[in-house]
Amino acid sequence: MLCRIANAAMIKATEKYDIGQSLPWAEVLDNLLFNSEGLIPAIAQQFDSREVLMMAWMNRESLQETLKTGRVCYFSRSRQRLWRKGESSGQIQLLQEMRLDCDGDTILLLVKQTGPACHTGRKSCFYNRVEDDKVSVIEAPLIDPASLYGKHE
């Protein structure tokens, strides 16, 4: 718990920073609030429309690779390995900007998405709207997922 408090304090300090003040990335990376599995949630948002596309997990290595290559890389919990978005579908995400939330426990990726972001062939994974006592599908697939994947991402 002490480590989590110390990590949170570093990110929290930026609340009082002036625009343009900064911290070294290596220092911030060491102080991000990864969960017990070494993962941090990442929200992908289309950079120009601001549409929320998906949520996935990143680890330290995937964060570094994403920043180095400009192509978004996540950590797949089901495969237990790095997952370069689009490696089996061709529907890649190019990083335009990375942001951290005020607590240092969530990443926002502003991306240029090629094709659909969702394994269902939809542009966004958030195609189910909760309304009163029902959940309604509000977006049709852009592409048949069977044509995208030998197997689902």
Protein backbone atom coordinates (compact mmCIF):
# COMPACT_ATOMS: atom_id res chain seq x y z
CA MET A 1 0.00 0.00 0.00
CA LEU A 2 2.86 2.41 0.79
CA CYS A 3 4.19 1.96 -2.77
CA ARG A 4 0.77 2.79 -4.24
CA ILE A 5 0.56 5.97 -2.15
CA ALA A 6 4.05 7.07 -3.21
CA ASN A 7 3.21 6.35 -6.87
CA ALA A 8 -0.05 8.25 -6.69
CA ALA A 9 1.68 11.24 -5.06
CA MET A 10 4.00 11.72 -8.04
CA ILE A 11 1.14 11.92 -10.55
CA LYS A 12 -0.97 13.97 -8.13
CA ALA A 13 1.80 16.57 -7.94
CA THR A 14 1.10 17.51 -11.57
CA GLU A 15 -2.26 18.96 -10.45
CA LYS A 16 -0.35 22.09 -9.40
CA TYR A 17 1.92 22.23 -12.46
CA ASP A 18 1.71 25.05 -14.96
CA ILE A 19 1.07 24.23 -18.61
CA GLY A 20 4.33 23.03 -20.11
CA GLN A 21 5.87 21.77 -16.86
CA SER A 22 6.88 18.14 -17.17
CA LEU A 23 8.33 15.04 -15.57
CA PRO A 24 10.75 12.55 -17.16
CA TRP A 25 8.84 9.66 -18.81
CA ALA A 26 11.12 7.02 -17.22
CA GLU A 27 10.29 8.38 -13.78
CA VAL A 28 6.56 8.51 -14.51
CA LEU A 29 6.61 4.98 -15.97
CA ASP A 30 8.16 3.74 -12.72
CA ASN A 31 5.31 5.37 -10.81
CA LEU A 32 2.26 4.33 -12.84
CA LEU A 33 -0.29 2.38 -10.84
CA PHE A 34 -0.18 -1.06 -12.44
CA ASN A 35 -2.46 -3.71 -10.91
CA SER A 36 -1.19 -6.85 -9.18
CA GLU A 37 -0.71 -8.50 -12.59
CA GLY A 38 1.47 -5.61 -13.79
CA LEU A 39 -1.28 -4.23 -16.03
CA ILE A 40 -2.94 -0.86 -16.48
CA PRO A 41 -6.21 -0.19 -18.36
CA ALA A 42 -5.94 1.70 -21.63
CA ILE A 43 -8.81 3.41 -23.45
CA ALA A 44 -8.39 3.83 -27.21
CA GLN A 45 -10.14 6.86 -28.68
CA GLN A 46 -10.23 7.93 -32.32
CA PHE A 47 -8.04 11.05 -32.40
CA ASP A 48 -10.16 13.19 -34.74
CA SER A 49 -13.76 12.23 -33.89
CA ARG A 50 -13.02 11.47 -30.20
CA GLU A 51 -15.15 8.32 -30.44
CA VAL A 52 -14.22 5.79 -27.75
CA LEU A 53 -13.17 2.64 -29.59
CA MET A 54 -12.12 0.06 -27.03
CA MET A 55 -10.53 -0.75 -23.69
CA ALA A 56 -7.60 -3.12 -23.34
CA TRP A 57 -4.71 -3.75 -20.98
CA MET A 58 -1.11 -2.60 -21.25
CA ASN A 59 1.99 -3.54 -19.32
CA ARG A 60 5.30 -1.73 -19.03
CA GLU A 61 6.71 -3.42 -22.14
CA SER A 62 3.66 -2.68 -24.31
CA LEU A 63 3.70 0.98 -23.24
CA GLN A 64 7.36 1.29 -24.20
CA GLU A 65 6.86 -0.50 -27.53
CA THR A 66 3.88 1.70 -28.38
CA LEU A 67 5.87 4.87 -27.74
CA LYS A 68 8.89 3.57 -29.63
CA THR A 69 7.08 2.31 -32.74
CA GLY A 70 3.97 4.51 -32.88
CA ARG A 71 1.85 1.39 -33.39
CA VAL A 72 -0.35 0.48 -30.44
CA CYS A 73 0.61 -2.69 -28.60
CA TYR A 74 -1.42 -4.14 -25.74
CA PHE A 75 -1.00 -7.08 -23.39
CA SER A 76 -3.42 -9.92 -24.05
CA ARG A 77 -4.57 -11.50 -20.80
CA SER A 78 -5.99 -14.53 -22.63
CA ARG A 79 -2.79 -15.17 -24.62
CA GLN A 80 -0.45 -13.95 -21.86
CA ARG A 81 1.70 -12.07 -24.36
CA LEU A 82 2.04 -8.79 -26.18
CA TRP A 83 -0.72 -8.14 -28.68
CA ARG A 84 -0.03 -5.72 -31.48
CA LYS A 85 -3.46 -4.43 -32.43
CA GLY A 86 -4.27 -5.67 -35.92
CA GLU A 87 -1.63 -8.41 -36.05
CA SER A 88 -4.20 -10.92 -37.29
CA SER A 89 -6.85 -8.60 -38.75
CA GLY A 90 -4.80 -5.82 -40.29
CA GLN A 91 -6.95 -3.27 -38.40
CA ILE A 92 -4.09 -1.40 -36.73
CA GLN A 93 -4.00 1.59 -34.40
CA LEU A 94 -1.40 4.30 -34.93
CA LEU A 95 -0.66 6.34 -31.83
CA GLN A 96 -1.26 10.06 -32.20
CA GLU A 97 -0.98 10.95 -28.51
CA MET A 98 -0.81 9.20 -25.13
CA ARG A 99 -2.27 10.71 -21.98
CA LEU A 100 -2.43 9.66 -18.34
CA ASP A 101 -5.36 10.26 -16.03
CA CYS A 102 -4.99 12.32 -12.85
CA ASP A 103 -4.41 9.22 -10.69
CA GLY A 104 -1.85 7.54 -12.94
CA ASP A 105 -3.96 4.39 -13.11
CA THR A 106 -5.47 4.65 -16.60
CA ILE A 107 -4.00 5.39 -20.03
CA LEU A 108 -5.80 7.25 -22.83
CA LEU A 109 -4.56 6.49 -26.33
CA LEU A 110 -5.59 8.90 -29.07
CA VAL A 111 -5.25 6.73 -32.15
CA LYS A 112 -5.74 6.65 -35.89
CA GLN A 113 -7.76 3.45 -36.28
CA THR A 114 -7.58 1.50 -39.52
CA GLY A 115 -10.97 -0.17 -40.07
CA PRO A 116 -13.02 -1.53 -37.16
CA ALA A 117 -11.54 -1.63 -33.67
CA CYS A 118 -13.84 -4.36 -32.36
CA HIS A 119 -13.37 -8.07 -33.03
CA THR A 120 -17.07 -8.13 -34.00
CA GLY A 121 -16.28 -6.02 -37.07
CA ARG A 122 -17.78 -2.87 -35.53
CA LYS A 123 -15.99 0.45 -35.37
CA SER A 124 -16.26 0.53 -31.58
CA CYS A 125 -16.50 -2.15 -28.91
CA PHE A 126 -19.11 0.02 -27.19
CA TYR A 127 -22.07 -0.83 -29.43
CA ASN A 128 -24.49 -1.94 -26.70
CA ARG A 129 -26.52 0.90 -25.14
CA VAL A 130 -28.19 0.40 -21.77
CA GLU A 131 -31.63 1.99 -21.77
CA ASP A 132 -33.91 1.60 -18.80
CA ASP A 133 -34.44 -2.18 -18.51
CA LYS A 134 -32.83 -3.30 -21.78
CA VAL A 135 -29.59 -3.35 -23.71
CA SER A 136 -29.86 -2.34 -27.38
CA VAL A 137 -27.37 -2.83 -30.20
CA ILE A 138 -26.75 0.60 -31.76
CA GLU A 139 -24.06 -0.12 -34.34
CA ALA A 140 -23.89 -2.62 -37.20
CA PRO A 141 -20.66 -4.40 -38.15
CA LEU A 142 -18.63 -2.64 -40.84
CA ILE A 143 -17.01 -5.92 -41.85
CA ASP A 144 -17.87 -9.58 -41.31
CA PRO A 145 -15.39 -10.69 -38.62
CA ALA A 146 -14.97 -14.05 -40.38
CA SER A 147 -13.31 -12.17 -43.24
CA LEU A 148 -10.92 -10.42 -40.85
CA TYR A 149 -9.63 -13.26 -38.73
CA GLY A 150 -8.42 -16.77 -39.00
CA LYS A 151 -9.22 -16.56 -35.31
CA HIS A 152 -10.53 -13.68 -33.22
CA GLU A 153 -8.16 -11.19 -31.63
